[in-house]
Amino acid sequence: KMRFSFFIVVLLLASCSSKKIKDVSYLRGSNSEIANSPKMNVFVPRNSKAKQRPVLIFVHGGNWNSGRKGTYDLLGRNFAKKDVVTIIPDYILSPNADYDGMTKQIA
């Protein structure tokens, strides 16, 4: 029971040092296209004094047919805690798109 409580406290403290900006559209297009386009989560340091920060773009795996950006929130928060802006995009998965379409969304 004590270990579980400690784990919860650590998670809460880690989330306080970063801010999550959820479901940001990253493709250009009309309003209807943007509404249906994939989104990304952006994690930024909450109280950083740095004027410039490194940026990490993390593309989740899943053999092009599974996975989602939300699975990697802990990774985004941990990098942001270390003063690295972290971007984790979602992208259309197979069989709803071919490899060309998926890579164009990510590139």
C-alpha atoms as a PDB file:
ATOM      1  CA  LYS A   1       0.000   0.000   0.000  1.00  0.00           C
ATOM      2  CA  MET A   2       2.862   2.356   0.812  1.00  0.00           C
ATOM      3  CA  ARG A   3       4.543   1.725  -2.560  1.00  0.00           C
ATOM      4  CA  PHE A   4       1.342   2.576  -4.424  1.00  0.00           C
ATOM      5  CA  SER A   5       0.973   5.860  -2.501  1.00  0.00           C
ATOM      6  CA  PHE A   6       4.591   6.758  -3.225  1.00  0.00           C
ATOM      7  CA  PHE A   7       4.061   6.013  -6.925  1.00  0.00           C
ATOM      8  CA  ILE A   8       1.006   8.317  -7.037  1.00  0.00           C
ATOM      9  CA  VAL A   9       2.934  11.150  -5.354  1.00  0.00           C
ATOM     10  CA  VAL A  10       5.811  10.782  -7.840  1.00  0.00           C
ATOM     11  CA  LEU A  11       3.387  10.897 -10.787  1.00  0.00           C
ATOM     12  CA  LEU A  12       1.676  14.003  -9.446  1.00  0.00           C
ATOM     13  CA  LEU A  13       4.981  15.800  -8.878  1.00  0.00           C
ATOM     14  CA  ALA A  14       6.191  14.889 -12.372  1.00  0.00           C
ATOM     15  CA  SER A  15       3.033  16.260 -13.946  1.00  0.00           C
ATOM     16  CA  CYS A  16       3.333  19.571 -12.048  1.00  0.00           C
ATOM     17  CA  SER A  17       6.660  20.459 -13.655  1.00  0.00           C
ATOM     18  CA  SER A  18       5.273  20.324 -17.193  1.00  0.00           C
ATOM     19  CA  LYS A  19       2.242  21.471 -19.115  1.00  0.00           C
ATOM     20  CA  LYS A  20       0.393  19.347 -21.669  1.00  0.00           C
ATOM     21  CA  ILE A  21      -1.212  21.059 -24.653  1.00  0.00           C
ATOM     22  CA  LYS A  22      -3.591  18.412 -25.955  1.00  0.00           C
ATOM     23  CA  ASP A  23      -4.938  17.649 -29.447  1.00  0.00           C
ATOM     24  CA  VAL A  24      -3.240  20.360 -31.514  1.00  0.00           C
ATOM     25  CA  SER A  25      -3.984  20.044 -35.257  1.00  0.00           C
ATOM     26  CA  TYR A  26      -0.795  19.934 -37.262  1.00  0.00           C
ATOM     27  CA  LEU A  27      -2.010  19.730 -40.863  1.00  0.00           C
ATOM     28  CA  ARG A  28      -3.174  22.648 -42.983  1.00  0.00           C
ATOM     29  CA  GLY A  29      -6.548  22.652 -44.684  1.00  0.00           C
ATOM     30  CA  SER A  30     -10.118  23.781 -44.394  1.00  0.00           C
ATOM     31  CA  ASN A  31     -11.923  23.722 -41.043  1.00  0.00           C
ATOM     32  CA  SER A  32     -13.637  20.415 -41.850  1.00  0.00           C
ATOM     33  CA  GLU A  33     -10.339  18.830 -42.905  1.00  0.00           C
ATOM     34  CA  ILE A  34      -8.613  20.046 -39.738  1.00  0.00           C
ATOM     35  CA  ALA A  35     -11.430  18.706 -37.556  1.00  0.00           C
ATOM     36  CA  ASN A  36     -10.796  15.207 -38.955  1.00  0.00           C
ATOM     37  CA  SER A  37      -7.020  15.475 -39.154  1.00  0.00           C
ATOM     38  CA  PRO A  38      -4.640  13.801 -36.734  1.00  0.00           C
ATOM     39  CA  LYS A  39      -3.639  15.738 -33.644  1.00  0.00           C
ATOM     40  CA  MET A  40      -0.509  16.040 -31.546  1.00  0.00           C
ATOM     41  CA  ASN A  41       0.187  16.557 -27.863  1.00  0.00           C
ATOM     42  CA  VAL A  42       2.827  19.095 -26.892  1.00  0.00           C
ATOM     43  CA  PHE A  43       4.596  19.008 -23.540  1.00  0.00           C
ATOM     44  CA  VAL A  44       6.401  22.121 -22.353  1.00  0.00           C
ATOM     45  CA  PRO A  45       8.336  22.913 -19.179  1.00  0.00           C
ATOM     46  CA  ARG A  46       6.126  24.843 -16.777  1.00  0.00           C
ATOM     47  CA  ASN A  47       8.606  27.190 -15.073  1.00  0.00           C
ATOM     48  CA  SER A  48      11.605  27.285 -17.374  1.00  0.00           C
ATOM     49  CA  LYS A  49      13.834  30.340 -17.511  1.00  0.00           C
ATOM     50  CA  ALA A  50      15.445  29.296 -20.811  1.00  0.00           C
ATOM     51  CA  LYS A  51      14.734  31.476 -23.844  1.00  0.00           C
ATOM     52  CA  GLN A  52      15.392  28.597 -26.228  1.00  0.00           C
ATOM     53  CA  ARG A  53      14.805  24.928 -25.614  1.00  0.00           C
ATOM     54  CA  PRO A  54      15.530  21.769 -27.569  1.00  0.00           C
ATOM     55  CA  VAL A  55      12.545  20.098 -29.227  1.00  0.00           C
ATOM     56  CA  LEU A  56      11.973  16.355 -29.441  1.00  0.00           C
ATOM     57  CA  ILE A  57       9.446  14.953 -31.915  1.00  0.00           C
ATOM     58  CA  PHE A  58       8.546  11.430 -30.819  1.00  0.00           C
ATOM     59  CA  VAL A  59       6.677   9.309 -33.366  1.00  0.00           C
ATOM     60  CA  HIS A  60       5.069   6.324 -31.662  1.00  0.00           C
ATOM     61  CA  GLY A  61       5.590   2.840 -33.014  1.00  0.00           C
ATOM     62  CA  GLY A  62       3.038   0.148 -33.674  1.00  0.00           C
ATOM     63  CA  ASN A  63       3.928  -1.359 -37.043  1.00  0.00           C
ATOM     64  CA  TRP A  64       1.847   1.357 -38.776  1.00  0.00           C
ATOM     65  CA  ASN A  65      -1.403  -0.273 -37.622  1.00  0.00           C
ATOM     66  CA  SER A  66      -1.618   0.392 -33.888  1.00  0.00           C
ATOM     67  CA  GLY A  67      -0.551   2.820 -31.204  1.00  0.00           C
ATOM     68  CA  ARG A  68      -1.640   6.266 -30.131  1.00  0.00           C
ATOM     69  CA  LYS A  69      -0.061   9.440 -28.834  1.00  0.00           C
ATOM     70  CA  GLY A  70      -1.707   9.268 -25.396  1.00  0.00           C
ATOM     71  CA  THR A  71       0.237   6.147 -24.494  1.00  0.00           C
ATOM     72  CA  TYR A  72       3.423   8.226 -24.276  1.00  0.00           C
ATOM     73  CA  ASP A  73       2.290  11.066 -22.001  1.00  0.00           C
ATOM     74  CA  LEU A  74       4.753  10.008 -19.303  1.00  0.00           C
ATOM     75  CA  LEU A  75       7.609  10.224 -21.809  1.00  0.00           C
ATOM     76  CA  GLY A  76       6.496  13.714 -22.882  1.00  0.00           C
ATOM     77  CA  ARG A  77       6.188  14.910 -19.304  1.00  0.00           C
ATOM     78  CA  ASN A  78       9.601  13.510 -18.347  1.00  0.00           C
ATOM     79  CA  PHE A  79      11.374  15.241 -21.219  1.00  0.00           C
ATOM     80  CA  ALA A  80       9.541  18.503 -20.495  1.00  0.00           C
ATOM     81  CA  LYS A  81      10.631  18.205 -16.874  1.00  0.00           C
ATOM     82  CA  LYS A  82      14.203  18.199 -18.226  1.00  0.00           C
ATOM     83  CA  ASP A  83      13.507  21.420 -20.212  1.00  0.00           C
ATOM     84  CA  VAL A  84      12.891  19.694 -23.564  1.00  0.00           C
ATOM     85  CA  VAL A  85       9.740  20.622 -25.479  1.00  0.00           C
ATOM     86  CA  THR A  86       8.243  17.296 -26.566  1.00  0.00           C
ATOM     87  CA  ILE A  87       5.824  16.779 -29.453  1.00  0.00           C
ATOM     88  CA  ILE A  88       3.986  13.475 -29.851  1.00  0.00           C
ATOM     89  CA  PRO A  89       1.817  13.278 -32.977  1.00  0.00           C
ATOM     90  CA  ASP A  90      -0.864  10.793 -33.913  1.00  0.00           C
ATOM     91  CA  TYR A  91      -1.162   9.741 -37.539  1.00  0.00           C
ATOM     92  CA  ILE A  92      -3.617   7.762 -39.614  1.00  0.00           C
ATOM     93  CA  LEU A  93      -3.047   4.030 -39.292  1.00  0.00           C
ATOM     94  CA  SER A  94      -3.338   1.072 -41.634  1.00  0.00           C
ATOM     95  CA  PRO A  95      -5.715  -0.054 -43.169  1.00  0.00           C
ATOM     96  CA  ASN A  96      -7.198   3.490 -43.325  1.00  0.00           C
ATOM     97  CA  ALA A  97      -4.174   4.772 -45.255  1.00  0.00           C
ATOM     98  CA  ASP A  98      -1.210   3.451 -47.164  1.00  0.00           C
ATOM     99  CA  TYR A  99       2.425   3.976 -46.110  1.00  0.00           C
ATOM    100  CA  ASP A 100       2.756   7.016 -48.352  1.00  0.00           C
ATOM    101  CA  GLY A 101      -0.170   8.745 -46.624  1.00  0.00           C
ATOM    102  CA  MET A 102       1.128   7.912 -43.156  1.00  0.00           C
ATOM    103  CA  THR A 103       4.622   9.168 -43.826  1.00  0.00           C
ATOM    104  CA  LYS A 104       3.330  12.375 -45.423  1.00  0.00           C
ATOM    105  CA  GLN A 105       1.393  13.141 -42.253  1.00  0.00           C
ATOM    106  CA  ILE A 106       4.442  12.625 -40.082  1.00  0.00           C
ATOM    107  CA  ALA A 107       6.933  14.354 -42.384  1.00  0.00           C
END
